N, C-alpha and C. Protein backbone atom coordinates (compact mmCIF):
# COMPACT_ATOMS: atom_id res chain seq x y z
N MET A 1 45.28 -16.91 64.87
CA MET A 1 46.01 -17.05 63.89
C MET A 1 44.45 -17.44 62.98
N LYS A 2 44.25 -18.83 62.93
CA LYS A 2 42.82 -19.46 62.24
C LYS A 2 41.85 -18.43 62.36
N LEU A 3 41.23 -17.78 63.39
CA LEU A 3 40.66 -17.20 63.35
C LEU A 3 40.60 -15.85 62.61
N MET A 4 41.96 -15.31 62.28
CA MET A 4 41.78 -14.34 61.61
C MET A 4 41.79 -14.76 60.17
N GLN A 5 41.66 -15.81 59.89
CA GLN A 5 42.07 -16.60 58.19
C GLN A 5 40.57 -16.68 58.34
N ARG A 6 39.89 -17.07 59.07
CA ARG A 6 38.59 -17.16 58.95
C ARG A 6 37.80 -16.02 58.22
N THR A 7 38.56 -14.56 59.05
CA THR A 7 37.67 -13.89 59.06
C THR A 7 37.95 -13.16 57.57
N THR A 8 39.12 -13.05 57.17
CA THR A 8 39.29 -12.68 55.95
C THR A 8 38.48 -13.64 55.01
N ALA A 9 38.78 -14.91 55.30
CA ALA A 9 38.25 -15.77 54.38
C ALA A 9 36.10 -15.36 54.21
N LEU A 10 35.74 -14.75 55.18
CA LEU A 10 34.38 -14.64 55.53
C LEU A 10 33.97 -13.10 54.67
N ILE A 11 34.91 -12.38 54.99
CA ILE A 11 35.13 -10.65 54.24
C ILE A 11 35.05 -11.13 52.51
N ALA A 12 36.27 -12.03 52.42
CA ALA A 12 36.01 -11.84 50.85
C ALA A 12 34.96 -12.87 50.32
N ALA A 13 33.96 -13.22 51.18
CA ALA A 13 33.50 -14.29 50.36
C ALA A 13 32.03 -13.05 50.09
N ILE A 14 31.65 -12.11 51.26
CA ILE A 14 30.35 -11.25 51.28
C ILE A 14 31.15 -10.84 50.39
N SER A 15 32.44 -9.88 50.03
CA SER A 15 32.35 -8.93 48.91
C SER A 15 32.22 -9.68 47.60
N PHE A 16 32.60 -10.94 47.38
CA PHE A 16 32.86 -11.33 46.08
C PHE A 16 31.42 -11.72 46.28
N PHE A 17 30.15 -12.29 47.04
CA PHE A 17 28.58 -11.70 46.96
C PHE A 17 28.16 -10.33 46.40
N ALA A 18 28.80 -9.84 47.33
CA ALA A 18 28.13 -8.54 46.82
C ALA A 18 28.16 -7.83 45.70
N PHE A 19 29.82 -7.80 45.13
CA PHE A 19 30.09 -7.42 43.87
C PHE A 19 29.16 -8.64 42.74
N SER A 20 29.04 -10.12 42.74
CA SER A 20 28.36 -10.41 42.05
C SER A 20 26.83 -10.15 41.73
N GLN A 21 26.17 -9.83 43.07
CA GLN A 21 24.80 -9.03 42.37
C GLN A 21 25.14 -7.64 42.06
N VAL A 22 26.40 -7.00 42.52
CA VAL A 22 26.10 -5.95 41.78
C VAL A 22 26.03 -6.25 39.76
N ALA A 23 26.88 -6.65 39.87
CA ALA A 23 27.38 -7.11 38.34
C ALA A 23 25.85 -7.70 37.58
N VAL A 24 25.34 -8.47 38.79
CA VAL A 24 23.98 -9.45 37.80
C VAL A 24 23.64 -8.20 37.57
N ALA A 25 22.66 -7.48 38.59
CA ALA A 25 22.14 -6.41 38.33
C ALA A 25 22.62 -5.37 36.92
N ALA A 26 23.74 -5.08 36.90
CA ALA A 26 24.14 -4.31 36.19
C ALA A 26 23.40 -4.20 34.47
N SER A 27 24.12 -6.00 34.37
CA SER A 27 23.79 -6.82 33.52
C SER A 27 22.15 -7.12 33.31
N GLY A 28 21.23 -6.26 34.62
CA GLY A 28 19.80 -6.56 33.97
C GLY A 28 18.83 -7.50 34.32
N VAL A 29 19.49 -8.69 34.69
CA VAL A 29 18.81 -10.11 35.71
C VAL A 29 18.03 -9.52 36.48
N MET A 30 18.75 -8.44 37.10
CA MET A 30 17.53 -8.53 38.10
C MET A 30 16.77 -7.11 37.86
N ARG A 31 16.93 -6.84 37.34
CA ARG A 31 15.93 -5.02 37.23
C ARG A 31 14.65 -5.69 37.50
N PHE A 32 13.89 -6.77 36.50
CA PHE A 32 12.85 -7.12 35.77
C PHE A 32 12.25 -7.91 37.02
N VAL A 33 10.94 -7.78 37.12
CA VAL A 33 10.85 -9.12 38.41
C VAL A 33 9.17 -9.44 37.69
N GLU A 34 9.45 -10.30 37.62
CA GLU A 34 7.68 -10.97 37.17
C GLU A 34 6.77 -10.95 38.24
N GLY A 35 5.60 -10.68 37.28
CA GLY A 35 4.05 -9.75 38.59
C GLY A 35 4.49 -8.55 39.15
N GLU A 36 5.56 -8.11 38.51
CA GLU A 36 5.70 -6.40 38.89
C GLU A 36 6.31 -5.51 37.46
N HIS A 37 6.94 -6.42 37.24
CA HIS A 37 6.82 -5.53 35.50
C HIS A 37 6.46 -6.29 34.41
N TYR A 38 6.16 -7.39 34.55
CA TYR A 38 5.69 -8.13 33.52
C TYR A 38 4.96 -9.32 34.05
N ASN A 39 4.25 -10.25 33.32
CA ASN A 39 3.10 -11.17 34.12
C ASN A 39 3.86 -12.70 32.97
N ALA A 40 3.87 -13.65 33.46
CA ALA A 40 3.59 -14.79 32.88
C ALA A 40 2.45 -15.53 32.54
N LEU A 41 2.29 -16.10 31.28
CA LEU A 41 0.94 -16.38 30.62
C LEU A 41 0.65 -18.07 31.75
N ALA A 42 -0.67 -18.04 32.12
CA ALA A 42 -0.10 -19.87 32.80
C ALA A 42 -0.43 -20.54 31.74
N MET A 43 -1.22 -21.01 30.60
CA MET A 43 -0.73 -21.16 29.50
C MET A 43 -0.18 -20.91 28.39
N PRO A 44 0.82 -21.14 27.68
CA PRO A 44 1.84 -20.37 27.09
C PRO A 44 0.96 -20.52 25.46
N VAL A 45 0.60 -19.31 24.26
CA VAL A 45 0.32 -19.51 23.54
C VAL A 45 1.40 -19.76 22.15
N ALA A 46 1.02 -20.67 21.27
CA ALA A 46 1.79 -20.81 20.42
C ALA A 46 2.21 -19.81 19.45
N THR A 47 3.78 -20.03 19.40
CA THR A 47 4.14 -18.68 18.66
C THR A 47 4.27 -19.20 17.00
N ASP A 48 4.48 -18.16 15.72
CA ASP A 48 4.46 -18.33 14.81
C ASP A 48 6.03 -17.88 14.16
N VAL A 49 7.27 -18.92 14.19
CA VAL A 49 8.01 -18.62 14.28
C VAL A 49 9.00 -19.83 14.10
N ALA A 50 10.12 -19.37 13.72
CA ALA A 50 10.93 -21.02 12.87
C ALA A 50 11.55 -20.88 14.81
N PRO A 51 12.11 -22.33 14.08
CA PRO A 51 12.73 -23.06 15.77
C PRO A 51 13.98 -22.48 16.04
N GLY A 52 14.27 -22.53 17.58
CA GLY A 52 15.73 -21.27 18.05
C GLY A 52 14.86 -19.87 17.83
N ALA A 53 14.20 -19.54 17.03
CA ALA A 53 13.85 -17.86 16.51
C ALA A 53 12.95 -17.30 18.43
N VAL A 54 13.33 -15.98 18.42
CA VAL A 54 12.02 -15.69 19.83
C VAL A 54 11.04 -14.88 18.99
N GLU A 55 10.02 -15.00 19.26
CA GLU A 55 8.68 -13.98 18.55
C GLU A 55 8.12 -13.01 19.89
N VAL A 56 8.14 -11.47 19.22
CA VAL A 56 7.94 -11.12 20.29
C VAL A 56 7.00 -10.15 18.91
N VAL A 57 5.39 -10.34 20.12
CA VAL A 57 4.22 -10.22 19.06
C VAL A 57 3.94 -8.71 19.98
N GLU A 58 3.61 -7.48 19.22
CA GLU A 58 2.77 -5.90 19.81
C GLU A 58 1.35 -6.67 19.30
N VAL A 59 0.29 -6.58 20.35
CA VAL A 59 -1.25 -6.30 20.30
C VAL A 59 -1.51 -5.25 20.29
N PHE A 60 -2.34 -4.56 19.41
CA PHE A 60 -2.02 -3.06 18.28
C PHE A 60 -4.01 -2.62 18.09
N SER A 61 -4.46 -1.29 18.13
CA SER A 61 -5.03 -1.37 17.17
C SER A 61 -4.66 -0.10 16.41
N TYR A 62 -4.64 -0.22 15.05
CA TYR A 62 -4.74 1.48 14.61
C TYR A 62 -5.21 2.75 15.56
N LEU A 63 -6.62 2.29 15.56
CA LEU A 63 -7.53 3.21 16.47
C LEU A 63 -7.21 3.66 17.61
N CYS A 64 -6.07 3.20 17.98
CA CYS A 64 -5.39 3.73 19.09
C CYS A 64 -4.59 4.47 19.57
N ILE A 65 -5.18 5.48 20.14
CA ILE A 65 -3.52 6.56 19.64
C ILE A 65 -2.29 6.78 20.99
N HIS A 66 -2.11 5.97 21.98
CA HIS A 66 -1.47 5.45 22.29
C HIS A 66 -0.23 4.56 21.43
N CYS A 67 -1.04 3.94 20.70
CA CYS A 67 -0.28 2.83 19.53
C CYS A 67 0.50 3.38 18.52
N TYR A 68 -0.77 4.69 18.31
CA TYR A 68 0.09 5.28 17.01
C TYR A 68 1.57 6.12 17.63
N SER A 69 1.30 6.71 19.07
CA SER A 69 2.66 7.40 19.31
C SER A 69 3.55 6.49 20.13
N PHE A 70 3.66 5.25 20.11
CA PHE A 70 4.44 4.23 20.50
C PHE A 70 4.96 3.62 19.34
N ASP A 71 4.25 3.30 17.87
CA ASP A 71 4.94 2.89 17.04
C ASP A 71 6.16 3.57 16.40
N PRO A 72 7.02 4.69 15.76
CA PRO A 72 7.81 4.74 15.38
C PRO A 72 9.05 4.34 16.85
N LEU A 73 8.67 4.16 18.06
CA LEU A 73 9.62 3.53 18.56
C LEU A 73 9.49 2.37 18.94
N LEU A 74 8.79 1.54 18.56
CA LEU A 74 8.61 0.02 17.65
C LEU A 74 9.30 -0.51 17.19
N ASN A 75 9.33 0.61 15.68
CA ASN A 75 10.15 0.35 14.13
C ASN A 75 11.41 0.58 14.30
N ARG A 76 12.19 1.51 15.41
CA ARG A 76 13.04 1.93 15.40
C ARG A 76 14.04 1.20 16.19
N TRP A 77 13.23 -0.03 17.35
CA TRP A 77 13.77 -1.04 17.94
C TRP A 77 13.98 -2.43 17.14
N GLN A 78 12.58 -2.39 15.86
CA GLN A 78 13.08 -3.26 15.45
C GLN A 78 14.01 -3.98 15.21
N GLN A 79 14.48 -2.45 14.00
CA GLN A 79 15.58 -1.68 13.20
C GLN A 79 17.11 -2.81 13.70
N ARG A 80 16.99 -2.54 15.23
CA ARG A 80 18.02 -3.02 16.20
C ARG A 80 17.96 -4.54 16.00
N GLN A 81 17.07 -5.29 15.96
CA GLN A 81 17.02 -6.77 16.19
C GLN A 81 18.21 -7.80 15.67
N THR A 82 18.52 -8.64 15.44
CA THR A 82 18.84 -9.76 14.54
C THR A 82 18.21 -10.51 14.59
N GLU A 83 18.74 -11.33 13.65
CA GLU A 83 17.83 -11.57 12.99
C GLU A 83 16.73 -12.91 13.71
N ASP A 84 17.12 -13.48 15.21
CA ASP A 84 16.42 -14.63 15.54
C ASP A 84 15.47 -14.01 16.43
N VAL A 85 14.89 -12.44 16.27
CA VAL A 85 13.82 -11.78 16.83
C VAL A 85 12.73 -11.48 15.73
N GLN A 86 11.61 -12.06 15.80
CA GLN A 86 10.98 -11.60 14.89
C GLN A 86 9.88 -11.08 15.61
N LEU A 87 9.86 -9.75 15.03
CA LEU A 87 8.43 -8.68 15.14
C LEU A 87 7.14 -9.51 14.96
N ASN A 88 6.35 -9.41 15.52
CA ASN A 88 4.56 -10.27 14.75
C ASN A 88 3.16 -8.69 15.31
N ARG A 89 2.35 -8.18 14.52
CA ARG A 89 1.62 -7.61 15.17
C ARG A 89 0.50 -8.62 15.15
N VAL A 90 -0.55 -8.38 16.14
CA VAL A 90 -1.82 -8.87 16.04
C VAL A 90 -2.76 -8.02 16.36
N PRO A 91 -3.86 -7.63 15.63
CA PRO A 91 -4.65 -6.29 15.91
C PRO A 91 -5.57 -7.16 16.88
N ALA A 92 -5.80 -5.90 18.14
CA ALA A 92 -6.92 -6.01 18.88
C ALA A 92 -8.09 -5.64 18.46
N VAL A 93 -9.38 -6.95 19.05
CA VAL A 93 -10.47 -6.10 18.46
C VAL A 93 -11.61 -5.97 19.74
N PHE A 94 -11.99 -4.58 19.71
CA PHE A 94 -12.65 -4.45 21.09
C PHE A 94 -13.72 -3.49 21.12
N SER A 95 -14.37 -3.06 19.77
CA SER A 95 -15.45 -3.04 18.94
C SER A 95 -15.59 -3.44 17.40
N PRO A 96 -17.02 -2.60 17.05
CA PRO A 96 -16.78 -2.97 16.13
C PRO A 96 -16.09 -1.76 14.46
N ASP A 97 -15.38 -1.11 15.14
CA ASP A 97 -14.98 0.05 14.17
C ASP A 97 -13.30 -0.81 14.76
N TRP A 98 -12.99 -1.32 15.93
CA TRP A 98 -11.73 -1.59 15.72
C TRP A 98 -11.77 -3.14 15.03
N GLU A 99 -12.84 -3.83 14.84
CA GLU A 99 -12.77 -4.86 13.74
C GLU A 99 -12.77 -4.54 12.44
N ILE A 100 -13.14 -3.77 12.25
CA ILE A 100 -12.55 -2.66 10.68
C ILE A 100 -11.58 -2.88 10.72
N MET A 101 -10.29 -2.06 11.53
CA MET A 101 -9.18 -2.06 11.19
C MET A 101 -8.44 -3.42 11.18
N ALA A 102 -8.85 -3.58 11.73
CA ALA A 102 -8.10 -5.40 11.48
C ALA A 102 -8.28 -6.06 10.49
N GLN A 103 -9.73 -6.11 9.78
CA GLN A 103 -9.51 -6.18 8.33
C GLN A 103 -8.91 -5.50 7.66
N ALA A 104 -8.77 -3.95 7.64
CA ALA A 104 -7.84 -3.62 6.95
C ALA A 104 -6.19 -4.01 7.56
N PHE A 105 -5.74 -4.29 8.60
CA PHE A 105 -4.60 -4.59 8.63
C PHE A 105 -3.90 -6.30 7.87
N TYR A 106 -4.96 -7.32 7.80
CA TYR A 106 -4.97 -8.61 7.22
C TYR A 106 -5.07 -8.50 5.30
N THR A 107 -5.98 -6.96 5.79
CA THR A 107 -6.27 -7.19 3.41
C THR A 107 -5.18 -6.62 3.34
N ALA A 108 -4.28 -5.46 3.66
CA ALA A 108 -2.71 -5.29 3.59
C ALA A 108 -2.33 -6.40 3.56
N GLU A 109 -1.73 -7.32 4.63
CA GLU A 109 -0.45 -8.71 4.53
C GLU A 109 -1.39 -9.41 3.44
N ALA A 110 -2.62 -9.41 3.20
CA ALA A 110 -2.48 -10.41 2.30
C ALA A 110 -2.47 -9.63 1.07
N LEU A 111 -2.69 -8.67 0.67
CA LEU A 111 -2.15 -8.36 -1.07
C LEU A 111 -0.73 -7.67 -0.69
N GLY A 112 0.35 -8.35 0.54
CA GLY A 112 1.74 -8.17 0.19
C GLY A 112 2.22 -6.64 0.42
N VAL A 113 1.04 -5.99 0.69
CA VAL A 113 1.52 -4.35 1.30
C VAL A 113 1.48 -4.16 2.68
N GLY A 114 1.25 -4.83 3.44
CA GLY A 114 1.38 -4.39 4.89
C GLY A 114 2.36 -3.32 5.10
N GLU A 115 3.19 -3.25 4.44
CA GLU A 115 4.89 -2.82 5.14
C GLU A 115 4.39 -0.52 4.45
N LYS A 116 3.43 -1.04 3.46
CA LYS A 116 3.59 0.11 2.92
C LYS A 116 2.19 0.70 3.56
N LEU A 117 1.41 0.54 3.67
CA LEU A 117 0.07 0.69 4.35
C LEU A 117 -0.04 1.08 5.85
N HIS A 118 1.50 0.29 6.98
CA HIS A 118 1.03 0.05 8.09
C HIS A 118 0.75 1.58 8.62
N VAL A 119 2.04 2.47 8.47
CA VAL A 119 2.14 3.78 9.25
C VAL A 119 0.86 4.57 8.33
N PRO A 120 0.58 4.32 7.13
CA PRO A 120 -0.60 5.56 6.56
C PRO A 120 -1.77 5.24 7.03
N TYR A 121 -2.53 4.24 7.20
CA TYR A 121 -3.53 4.02 7.96
C TYR A 121 -3.79 4.80 9.13
N PHE A 122 -2.52 4.29 10.11
CA PHE A 122 -2.09 5.35 11.73
C PHE A 122 -2.59 6.97 10.90
N ASN A 123 -1.57 7.50 10.25
CA ASN A 123 -2.03 8.95 9.49
C ASN A 123 -3.87 9.26 9.46
N ALA A 124 -3.85 8.20 8.53
CA ALA A 124 -4.92 8.53 8.29
C ALA A 124 -6.24 8.65 9.01
N ILE A 125 -6.17 8.16 10.21
CA ILE A 125 -6.84 8.02 11.18
C ILE A 125 -6.89 9.14 12.56
N HIS A 126 -5.40 9.44 12.98
CA HIS A 126 -4.74 9.96 13.88
C HIS A 126 -4.81 12.01 13.14
N ALA A 127 -3.80 11.86 11.85
CA ALA A 127 -3.52 12.85 11.39
C ALA A 127 -4.57 13.68 10.61
N ASP A 128 -5.48 12.73 9.97
CA ASP A 128 -6.14 12.74 8.65
C ASP A 128 -8.01 12.93 9.03
N ARG A 129 -7.80 12.53 10.05
CA ARG A 129 -9.18 11.75 10.87
C ARG A 129 -9.53 11.70 9.80
N ALA A 130 -10.25 10.26 8.63
CA ALA A 130 -10.23 10.12 8.04
C ALA A 130 -11.74 9.65 8.68
N ASN A 131 -12.83 8.80 7.57
CA ASN A 131 -13.97 8.08 8.01
C ASN A 131 -13.26 6.41 7.43
N ILE A 132 -12.77 5.64 8.64
CA ILE A 132 -12.53 4.54 8.42
C ILE A 132 -14.03 3.63 7.80
N ARG A 133 -15.08 3.85 8.35
CA ARG A 133 -16.18 2.96 8.87
C ARG A 133 -16.67 2.68 7.41
N ASP A 134 -16.15 3.72 6.29
CA ASP A 134 -16.58 4.28 5.01
C ASP A 134 -15.06 3.32 4.04
N GLN A 135 -15.56 1.80 3.65
CA GLN A 135 -14.53 1.30 3.02
C GLN A 135 -13.86 1.79 1.84
N SER A 136 -14.83 2.53 1.59
CA SER A 136 -13.91 3.11 -0.11
C SER A 136 -12.92 3.66 0.49
N VAL A 137 -12.82 4.84 1.78
CA VAL A 137 -11.93 5.55 2.33
C VAL A 137 -10.27 4.70 1.95
N LEU A 138 -10.82 3.56 3.09
CA LEU A 138 -9.52 2.56 2.97
C LEU A 138 -9.17 2.19 1.25
N ALA A 139 -10.12 1.95 0.68
CA ALA A 139 -9.71 1.17 -0.89
C ALA A 139 -9.06 2.51 -1.62
N GLU A 140 -9.69 3.75 -1.01
CA GLU A 140 -8.40 4.28 -2.16
C GLU A 140 -7.26 4.88 -1.29
N LEU A 141 -7.42 5.42 -0.15
CA LEU A 141 -6.09 5.09 0.94
C LEU A 141 -5.08 4.54 -0.10
N ALA A 142 -5.28 2.60 -0.35
CA ALA A 142 -4.53 1.51 -0.64
C ALA A 142 -4.03 1.81 -2.07
N ASN A 143 -5.03 2.17 -2.95
CA ASN A 143 -4.73 2.61 -4.01
C ASN A 143 -3.76 3.99 -4.14
N ARG A 144 -3.73 5.02 -3.61
CA ARG A 144 -2.86 6.09 -3.59
C ARG A 144 -1.42 6.05 -2.86
N THR A 145 -2.29 4.85 -1.96
CA THR A 145 -0.25 4.55 -0.66
C THR A 145 0.71 3.42 -1.42
N ALA A 146 0.05 2.68 -2.32
CA ALA A 146 0.17 1.34 -2.98
C ALA A 146 0.28 0.81 -3.88
N GLY A 147 -0.93 1.91 -4.77
CA GLY A 147 -1.05 1.12 -6.30
C GLY A 147 -1.68 0.01 -6.24
N VAL A 148 -2.89 0.06 -5.48
CA VAL A 148 -3.88 -1.73 -5.15
C VAL A 148 -4.73 -1.05 -5.66
N GLU A 149 -5.61 -1.68 -6.92
CA GLU A 149 -6.76 -1.26 -7.11
C GLU A 149 -7.95 -1.59 -6.23
N THR A 150 -8.58 -0.80 -6.41
CA THR A 150 -9.90 -0.48 -5.30
C THR A 150 -10.42 -1.93 -5.66
N ASP A 151 -11.39 -2.32 -6.65
CA ASP A 151 -11.79 -3.43 -6.67
C ASP A 151 -11.52 -4.32 -6.10
N GLN A 152 -9.81 -4.19 -6.25
CA GLN A 152 -9.23 -5.93 -5.84
C GLN A 152 -9.29 -5.78 -4.60
N TYR A 153 -8.45 -4.49 -3.48
CA TYR A 153 -8.59 -4.36 -2.21
C TYR A 153 -10.05 -4.99 -1.92
N THR A 154 -11.04 -4.16 -2.45
CA THR A 154 -12.84 -4.51 -1.99
C THR A 154 -12.80 -5.77 -1.68
N GLN A 155 -12.60 -6.65 -2.80
CA GLN A 155 -12.56 -8.16 -2.73
C GLN A 155 -12.22 -8.64 -1.43
N VAL A 156 -10.62 -8.25 -1.37
CA VAL A 156 -9.98 -8.73 -0.72
C VAL A 156 -9.96 -8.68 0.78
N PHE A 157 -11.01 -7.45 1.12
CA PHE A 157 -11.34 -7.09 2.91
C PHE A 157 -11.99 -7.85 2.82
N ASN A 158 -12.96 -8.16 1.89
CA ASN A 158 -14.72 -8.82 2.74
C ASN A 158 -14.44 -10.37 2.22
N ALA A 159 -13.11 -10.88 2.05
CA ALA A 159 -12.49 -11.84 2.05
C ALA A 159 -12.94 -13.33 3.04
N PHE A 160 -13.33 -14.20 2.45
CA PHE A 160 -13.25 -14.97 3.99
C PHE A 160 -12.11 -15.41 4.92
N SER A 161 -11.15 -15.75 4.33
CA SER A 161 -9.94 -15.70 4.48
C SER A 161 -9.34 -14.77 5.68
N VAL A 162 -9.65 -13.24 5.19
CA VAL A 162 -9.44 -12.02 5.63
C VAL A 162 -10.11 -12.05 7.31
N LYS A 163 -11.32 -12.83 6.87
CA LYS A 163 -12.20 -12.35 8.09
C LYS A 163 -11.78 -13.18 9.16
N GLY A 164 -11.36 -14.82 8.90
CA GLY A 164 -11.09 -15.53 9.38
C GLY A 164 -9.52 -15.36 10.32
N LYS A 165 -8.76 -14.55 9.36
CA LYS A 165 -7.64 -14.24 10.02
C LYS A 165 -7.77 -12.91 11.16
N VAL A 166 -9.32 -12.12 11.58
CA VAL A 166 -9.53 -11.53 12.45
C VAL A 166 -10.20 -12.09 13.64
N MET A 167 -10.73 -13.29 12.92
CA MET A 167 -11.27 -14.36 14.18
C MET A 167 -10.51 -14.94 14.99
N GLN A 168 -9.30 -15.35 14.56
CA GLN A 168 -8.20 -15.47 15.05
C GLN A 168 -7.31 -14.55 15.55
N ALA A 169 -6.76 -13.68 15.74
CA ALA A 169 -6.50 -12.63 16.34
C ALA A 169 -7.52 -12.41 17.65
N LYS A 170 -9.26 -12.33 17.41
CA LYS A 170 -9.56 -12.32 18.40
C LYS A 170 -9.26 -13.26 19.72
N ALA A 171 -8.90 -14.26 18.96
CA ALA A 171 -8.54 -15.55 19.76
C ALA A 171 -7.40 -15.34 20.33
N LYS A 172 -6.57 -15.04 20.03
CA LYS A 172 -5.27 -14.79 20.27
C LYS A 172 -5.37 -13.67 21.27
N THR A 173 -6.15 -12.55 21.63
CA THR A 173 -6.64 -11.64 22.28
C THR A 173 -6.89 -12.06 23.68
N ARG A 174 -7.77 -13.47 23.45
CA ARG A 174 -7.83 -13.60 24.82
C ARG A 174 -7.34 -14.68 25.37
N ALA A 175 -6.70 -15.16 24.60
CA ALA A 175 -5.24 -15.87 25.33
C ALA A 175 -4.64 -15.13 25.44
N TYR A 176 -4.25 -14.10 25.25
CA TYR A 176 -3.23 -13.38 26.09
C TYR A 176 -3.79 -12.14 27.20
N GLY A 177 -5.13 -12.07 27.43
CA GLY A 177 -5.55 -12.04 28.56
C GLY A 177 -5.57 -10.04 28.02
N ILE A 178 -5.38 -9.83 27.23
CA ILE A 178 -4.81 -8.15 26.85
C ILE A 178 -6.47 -7.26 27.25
N THR A 179 -6.17 -6.65 27.82
CA THR A 179 -7.62 -5.35 28.14
C THR A 179 -6.65 -3.88 27.62
N GLY A 180 -5.82 -3.95 27.40
CA GLY A 180 -5.01 -2.92 26.95
C GLY A 180 -3.87 -3.03 25.64
N VAL A 181 -4.11 -1.58 24.88
CA VAL A 181 -3.17 -2.29 23.72
C VAL A 181 -2.68 -0.51 23.73
N PRO A 182 -1.53 -0.37 23.89
CA PRO A 182 -0.62 -1.23 23.16
C PRO A 182 -0.10 -2.39 24.33
N THR A 183 0.38 -3.62 24.07
CA THR A 183 0.27 -4.96 25.00
C THR A 183 1.74 -5.58 24.31
N MET A 184 2.88 -6.10 24.56
CA MET A 184 3.69 -6.89 23.86
C MET A 184 3.69 -8.48 24.63
N ILE A 185 4.35 -8.84 23.91
CA ILE A 185 4.05 -10.45 23.91
C ILE A 185 5.39 -11.34 23.89
N VAL A 186 6.72 -11.49 24.59
CA VAL A 186 7.60 -12.40 24.24
C VAL A 186 6.73 -14.07 24.11
N ASN A 187 7.82 -14.55 23.16
CA ASN A 187 7.38 -15.87 23.15
C ASN A 187 6.41 -16.67 23.45
N GLY A 188 5.23 -15.94 23.10
CA GLY A 188 4.02 -16.73 23.97
C GLY A 188 3.79 -16.92 25.10
N LYS A 189 4.77 -16.29 26.29
CA LYS A 189 4.69 -16.89 27.19
C LYS A 189 4.36 -15.95 28.27
N TYR A 190 4.92 -14.26 28.10
CA TYR A 190 5.00 -13.03 29.24
C TYR A 190 4.39 -11.72 28.31
N VAL A 191 3.77 -11.40 29.26
CA VAL A 191 3.09 -10.33 29.23
C VAL A 191 3.20 -8.66 28.97
N ILE A 192 3.98 -7.94 27.99
CA ILE A 192 4.10 -6.55 28.99
C ILE A 192 3.21 -5.18 28.80
N ASP A 193 2.97 -4.38 29.46
CA ASP A 193 2.52 -3.31 29.38
C ASP A 193 2.55 -2.04 29.53
N ALA A 194 2.80 -0.83 28.84
CA ALA A 194 3.36 0.63 29.84
C ALA A 194 3.31 1.04 30.91
N GLY A 195 2.04 0.62 31.30
CA GLY A 195 1.30 0.74 32.50
C GLY A 195 2.72 0.25 33.83
N ALA A 196 2.57 -1.00 33.55
CA ALA A 196 4.04 -1.52 34.35
C ALA A 196 4.64 -1.56 34.69
N ALA A 197 5.14 -0.90 33.01
CA ALA A 197 7.11 -0.86 32.90
C ALA A 197 6.66 0.71 33.00
N GLY A 198 6.17 1.49 32.81
CA GLY A 198 6.37 3.06 33.37
C GLY A 198 6.10 3.88 31.77
N SER A 199 6.92 3.00 30.68
CA SER A 199 6.69 3.92 30.08
C SER A 199 6.96 2.57 28.53
N PHE A 200 6.94 3.77 27.47
CA PHE A 200 7.21 2.91 26.28
C PHE A 200 8.34 2.40 26.10
N GLU A 201 9.84 3.13 26.54
CA GLU A 201 10.86 3.35 26.38
C GLU A 201 10.89 2.18 27.17
N GLY A 202 10.70 1.62 28.46
CA GLY A 202 10.99 0.62 29.44
C GLY A 202 10.27 -1.01 29.29
N MET A 203 9.06 0.11 28.66
CA MET A 203 7.99 -1.48 27.94
C MET A 203 9.01 -2.29 27.18
N LEU A 204 9.87 -1.76 26.23
CA LEU A 204 10.98 -2.10 25.51
C LEU A 204 12.10 -2.75 26.18
N GLU A 205 12.26 -1.94 27.51
CA GLU A 205 13.66 -2.64 27.82
C GLU A 205 13.12 -3.89 28.63
N ILE A 206 11.99 -3.76 28.82
CA ILE A 206 11.70 -5.44 30.10
C ILE A 206 11.35 -6.63 28.05
N VAL A 207 11.13 -6.09 27.17
CA VAL A 207 11.34 -7.20 26.43
C VAL A 207 12.34 -7.65 25.97
N ASP A 208 13.36 -6.31 25.65
CA ASP A 208 14.78 -6.68 25.48
C ASP A 208 14.76 -7.98 26.70
N PHE A 209 14.69 -7.80 27.73
CA PHE A 209 15.41 -8.60 28.82
C PHE A 209 14.65 -9.76 28.51
N LEU A 210 13.59 -10.07 28.62
CA LEU A 210 12.59 -11.44 28.11
C LEU A 210 13.46 -11.99 26.66
N VAL A 211 13.17 -11.56 25.72
CA VAL A 211 14.31 -11.83 25.15
C VAL A 211 15.49 -12.97 25.28
N ASP A 212 16.57 -12.02 25.84
CA ASP A 212 17.24 -12.19 25.91
C ASP A 212 17.74 -13.25 27.13
N LYS A 213 16.48 -13.43 28.07
CA LYS A 213 16.13 -14.98 28.94
C LYS A 213 15.41 -16.15 27.99
N GLU A 214 15.07 -15.68 26.83
CA GLU A 214 14.30 -16.63 25.62
C GLU A 214 15.76 -17.22 25.45
N ARG A 215 16.81 -16.37 24.81
CA ARG A 215 17.82 -17.21 24.41
C ARG A 215 18.19 -18.18 24.89
N ALA A 216 18.76 -17.59 26.65
CA ALA A 216 19.46 -18.67 27.38
C ALA A 216 18.24 -19.75 27.80
N ALA A 217 17.65 -19.53 27.79
CA ALA A 217 16.32 -20.92 27.57
C ALA A 217 16.18 -21.93 26.45
N GLN A 218 16.96 -20.91 25.17
CA GLN A 218 17.19 -22.02 24.06
C GLN A 218 18.82 -22.73 23.70
């Protein structure tokens, strides 16, 4: 009788454990594995958000066709987020042309028209094939799209503060260990790229998983 009771208890314990593992897997806790789907930075990078918030960074470039394709997905993802999740963008600088567009990004930000110029910058390069090496082309785009005076755009584009932001972006890119874009960083700790994730959609699923992980840790 005691043997039967012990056997029944053991079966119940095994069943409970198996059910728990299924439930955990279904919740996403076991779906993504560090070192396989994402990597943890050995040295976390300081975030730029309020205490209690979770920072999600996209490292990107306007000149990257993959970033151009990813951007609509990322925008839809951003619209679904609660107030404690903050998306910040950091332009990668892997060549002189990429540096020009990093300057353009921070110029728009400094002028308060970052949202108005974000998609037009992408479209100018990938749809219109604009010559972004010609600064006047960028200034004319800002004037036509966001109403920024050409002289004002040029002045801010060449400002020391904007060039300083580009240098900071270079430093952050090195700190993140970025070798390609688009790449996502969660709370300055975790790095996710589309290659390991398998797709852009998969990359955002891993971001969601890590955001929940950070919320739980806080």
